[in-house]
Amino acid sequence: MVKLTIGDSPNITDEDKQPNWALSMAAAVPSGILKIGEGVATFGAALLDLGIDKDRVEAVEEYFDRINPFDEMAASTGIGKLQNLLLTLVYLVVLHLKRQVV
């Protein structure tokens, strides 16, 4: 009797475990949202590194690497990377346009 655990299948190859383009695009949305917060926190940490403390940027990047499980899936294909970038740019443009209107 063969006992299989979750994730083990004799028919699934390593190539099948790689995310496809649709999964990569779906993962790019939450990854892009988390990247916006990561950019703001990294900028603040860089300012602190300049004047007050050391190694804040590395700590912030390690923290966001732990909490962003979508980053690897989004970066696995070119379309995921592109959508991640476009989401970040669109968010920044919308924020800029809101400031212009108000």
C-alpha atoms as a PDB file:
ATOM      1  CA  MET A   1       0.000   0.000   0.000  1.00  0.00           C
ATOM      2  CA  VAL A   2       1.374   3.384  -1.060  1.00  0.00           C
ATOM      3  CA  LYS A   3       0.620   6.341   1.181  1.00  0.00           C
ATOM      4  CA  LEU A   4       0.510   9.736  -0.487  1.00  0.00           C
ATOM      5  CA  THR A   5       0.538  13.019   1.344  1.00  0.00           C
ATOM      6  CA  ILE A   6      -0.890  16.315   0.183  1.00  0.00           C
ATOM      7  CA  GLY A   7       1.160  17.623  -2.714  1.00  0.00           C
ATOM      8  CA  ASP A   8       2.543  14.207  -3.647  1.00  0.00           C
ATOM      9  CA  SER A   9       1.305  12.742  -6.884  1.00  0.00           C
ATOM     10  CA  PRO A  10       3.049  10.320  -9.188  1.00  0.00           C
ATOM     11  CA  ASN A  11       1.640  12.119 -12.247  1.00  0.00           C
ATOM     12  CA  ILE A  12       2.784  15.672 -11.396  1.00  0.00           C
ATOM     13  CA  THR A  13       6.196  16.738 -12.643  1.00  0.00           C
ATOM     14  CA  ASP A  14       8.281  19.693 -11.497  1.00  0.00           C
ATOM     15  CA  GLU A  15       7.203  21.558 -14.620  1.00  0.00           C
ATOM     16  CA  ASP A  16       3.537  21.157 -13.617  1.00  0.00           C
ATOM     17  CA  LYS A  17       4.239  22.689 -10.198  1.00  0.00           C
ATOM     18  CA  GLN A  18       5.339  25.970 -11.813  1.00  0.00           C
ATOM     19  CA  PRO A  19       2.551  28.569 -11.884  1.00  0.00           C
ATOM     20  CA  ASN A  20       1.033  29.244 -15.285  1.00  0.00           C
ATOM     21  CA  TRP A  21       0.459  32.709 -16.697  1.00  0.00           C
ATOM     22  CA  ALA A  22      -3.085  33.022 -15.323  1.00  0.00           C
ATOM     23  CA  LEU A  23      -1.979  32.149 -11.793  1.00  0.00           C
ATOM     24  CA  SER A  24       0.963  34.497 -12.156  1.00  0.00           C
ATOM     25  CA  MET A  25      -1.345  37.338 -13.212  1.00  0.00           C
ATOM     26  CA  ALA A  26      -3.715  36.611 -10.340  1.00  0.00           C
ATOM     27  CA  ALA A  27      -0.835  36.647  -7.861  1.00  0.00           C
ATOM     28  CA  ALA A  28       0.476  39.923  -9.262  1.00  0.00           C
ATOM     29  CA  VAL A  29      -2.488  41.916  -7.926  1.00  0.00           C
ATOM     30  CA  PRO A  30      -1.959  41.294  -4.188  1.00  0.00           C
ATOM     31  CA  SER A  31       1.791  41.299  -4.716  1.00  0.00           C
ATOM     32  CA  GLY A  32       1.611  44.726  -6.342  1.00  0.00           C
ATOM     33  CA  ILE A  33      -0.511  46.081  -3.508  1.00  0.00           C
ATOM     34  CA  LEU A  34       2.003  44.790  -0.959  1.00  0.00           C
ATOM     35  CA  LYS A  35       4.874  46.215  -3.042  1.00  0.00           C
ATOM     36  CA  ILE A  36       3.412  49.716  -2.693  1.00  0.00           C
ATOM     37  CA  GLY A  37       3.552  49.443   1.090  1.00  0.00           C
ATOM     38  CA  GLU A  38       6.998  47.906   0.868  1.00  0.00           C
ATOM     39  CA  GLY A  39       8.247  50.855  -1.175  1.00  0.00           C
ATOM     40  CA  VAL A  40       6.966  53.381   1.343  1.00  0.00           C
ATOM     41  CA  ALA A  41       8.406  51.454   4.304  1.00  0.00           C
ATOM     42  CA  THR A  42      11.747  50.944   2.559  1.00  0.00           C
ATOM     43  CA  PHE A  43      11.989  54.656   1.779  1.00  0.00           C
ATOM     44  CA  GLY A  44      11.338  55.518   5.423  1.00  0.00           C
ATOM     45  CA  ALA A  45      13.880  52.935   6.557  1.00  0.00           C
ATOM     46  CA  ALA A  46      16.454  54.357   4.136  1.00  0.00           C
ATOM     47  CA  LEU A  47      15.976  57.796   5.650  1.00  0.00           C
ATOM     48  CA  LEU A  48      16.468  56.317   9.108  1.00  0.00           C
ATOM     49  CA  ASP A  49      19.610  54.527   7.887  1.00  0.00           C
ATOM     50  CA  LEU A  50      21.053  57.843   6.759  1.00  0.00           C
ATOM     51  CA  GLY A  51      20.660  59.642  10.046  1.00  0.00           C
ATOM     52  CA  ILE A  52      19.801  57.501  13.030  1.00  0.00           C
ATOM     53  CA  ASP A  53      20.367  53.781  12.702  1.00  0.00           C
ATOM     54  CA  LYS A  54      21.851  51.072  10.484  1.00  0.00           C
ATOM     55  CA  ASP A  55      20.412  48.008   8.766  1.00  0.00           C
ATOM     56  CA  ARG A  56      16.796  49.167   8.836  1.00  0.00           C
ATOM     57  CA  VAL A  57      16.345  48.656   5.085  1.00  0.00           C
ATOM     58  CA  GLU A  58      17.471  45.033   5.248  1.00  0.00           C
ATOM     59  CA  ALA A  59      15.089  44.358   8.130  1.00  0.00           C
ATOM     60  CA  VAL A  60      12.169  45.905   6.234  1.00  0.00           C
ATOM     61  CA  GLU A  61      12.954  43.915   3.080  1.00  0.00           C
ATOM     62  CA  GLU A  62      13.218  40.654   5.037  1.00  0.00           C
ATOM     63  CA  TYR A  63       9.885  41.398   6.723  1.00  0.00           C
ATOM     64  CA  PHE A  64       8.100  42.006   3.428  1.00  0.00           C
ATOM     65  CA  ASP A  65       9.696  38.894   1.921  1.00  0.00           C
ATOM     66  CA  ARG A  66       8.086  36.882   4.717  1.00  0.00           C
ATOM     67  CA  ILE A  67       4.600  38.430   4.436  1.00  0.00           C
ATOM     68  CA  ASN A  68       4.342  38.503   0.620  1.00  0.00           C
ATOM     69  CA  PRO A  69       3.761  34.917  -0.534  1.00  0.00           C
ATOM     70  CA  PHE A  70       2.534  36.131  -3.930  1.00  0.00           C
ATOM     71  CA  ASP A  71       5.826  37.690  -5.014  1.00  0.00           C
ATOM     72  CA  GLU A  72       7.435  34.477  -6.274  1.00  0.00           C
ATOM     73  CA  MET A  73       4.312  33.393  -8.148  1.00  0.00           C
ATOM     74  CA  ALA A  74       3.922  36.825  -9.746  1.00  0.00           C
ATOM     75  CA  ALA A  75       7.589  36.957 -10.736  1.00  0.00           C
ATOM     76  CA  SER A  76       7.603  33.474 -12.257  1.00  0.00           C
ATOM     77  CA  THR A  77       6.406  34.694 -15.665  1.00  0.00           C
ATOM     78  CA  GLY A  78       6.946  37.855 -17.623  1.00  0.00           C
ATOM     79  CA  ILE A  79       3.239  38.696 -17.715  1.00  0.00           C
ATOM     80  CA  GLY A  80       3.098  38.558 -13.913  1.00  0.00           C
ATOM     81  CA  LYS A  81       6.061  40.918 -13.607  1.00  0.00           C
ATOM     82  CA  LEU A  82       4.470  43.293 -16.103  1.00  0.00           C
ATOM     83  CA  GLN A  83       1.107  43.293 -14.349  1.00  0.00           C
ATOM     84  CA  ASN A  84       2.803  43.861 -10.982  1.00  0.00           C
ATOM     85  CA  LEU A  85       4.591  46.896 -12.419  1.00  0.00           C
ATOM     86  CA  LEU A  86       1.467  48.239 -14.137  1.00  0.00           C
ATOM     87  CA  LEU A  87      -0.600  47.903 -10.970  1.00  0.00           C
ATOM     88  CA  THR A  88       1.949  49.916  -9.008  1.00  0.00           C
ATOM     89  CA  LEU A  89       2.158  52.596 -11.698  1.00  0.00           C
ATOM     90  CA  VAL A  90      -1.617  52.876 -12.052  1.00  0.00           C
ATOM     91  CA  TYR A  91      -1.978  53.253  -8.293  1.00  0.00           C
ATOM     92  CA  LEU A  92       0.585  56.050  -8.217  1.00  0.00           C
ATOM     93  CA  VAL A  93      -1.015  57.835 -11.185  1.00  0.00           C
ATOM     94  CA  VAL A  94      -4.450  57.643  -9.559  1.00  0.00           C
ATOM     95  CA  LEU A  95      -3.044  59.120  -6.343  1.00  0.00           C
ATOM     96  CA  HIS A  96      -1.423  61.920  -8.325  1.00  0.00           C
ATOM     97  CA  LEU A  97      -4.611  62.682 -10.239  1.00  0.00           C
ATOM     98  CA  LYS A  98      -6.617  62.781  -7.013  1.00  0.00           C
ATOM     99  CA  ARG A  99      -4.264  65.406  -5.652  1.00  0.00           C
ATOM    100  CA  GLN A 100      -4.643  67.467  -8.824  1.00  0.00           C
ATOM    101  CA  VAL A 101      -8.433  67.411  -8.603  1.00  0.00           C
ATOM    102  CA  VAL A 102      -8.677  68.308  -4.916  1.00  0.00           C
END
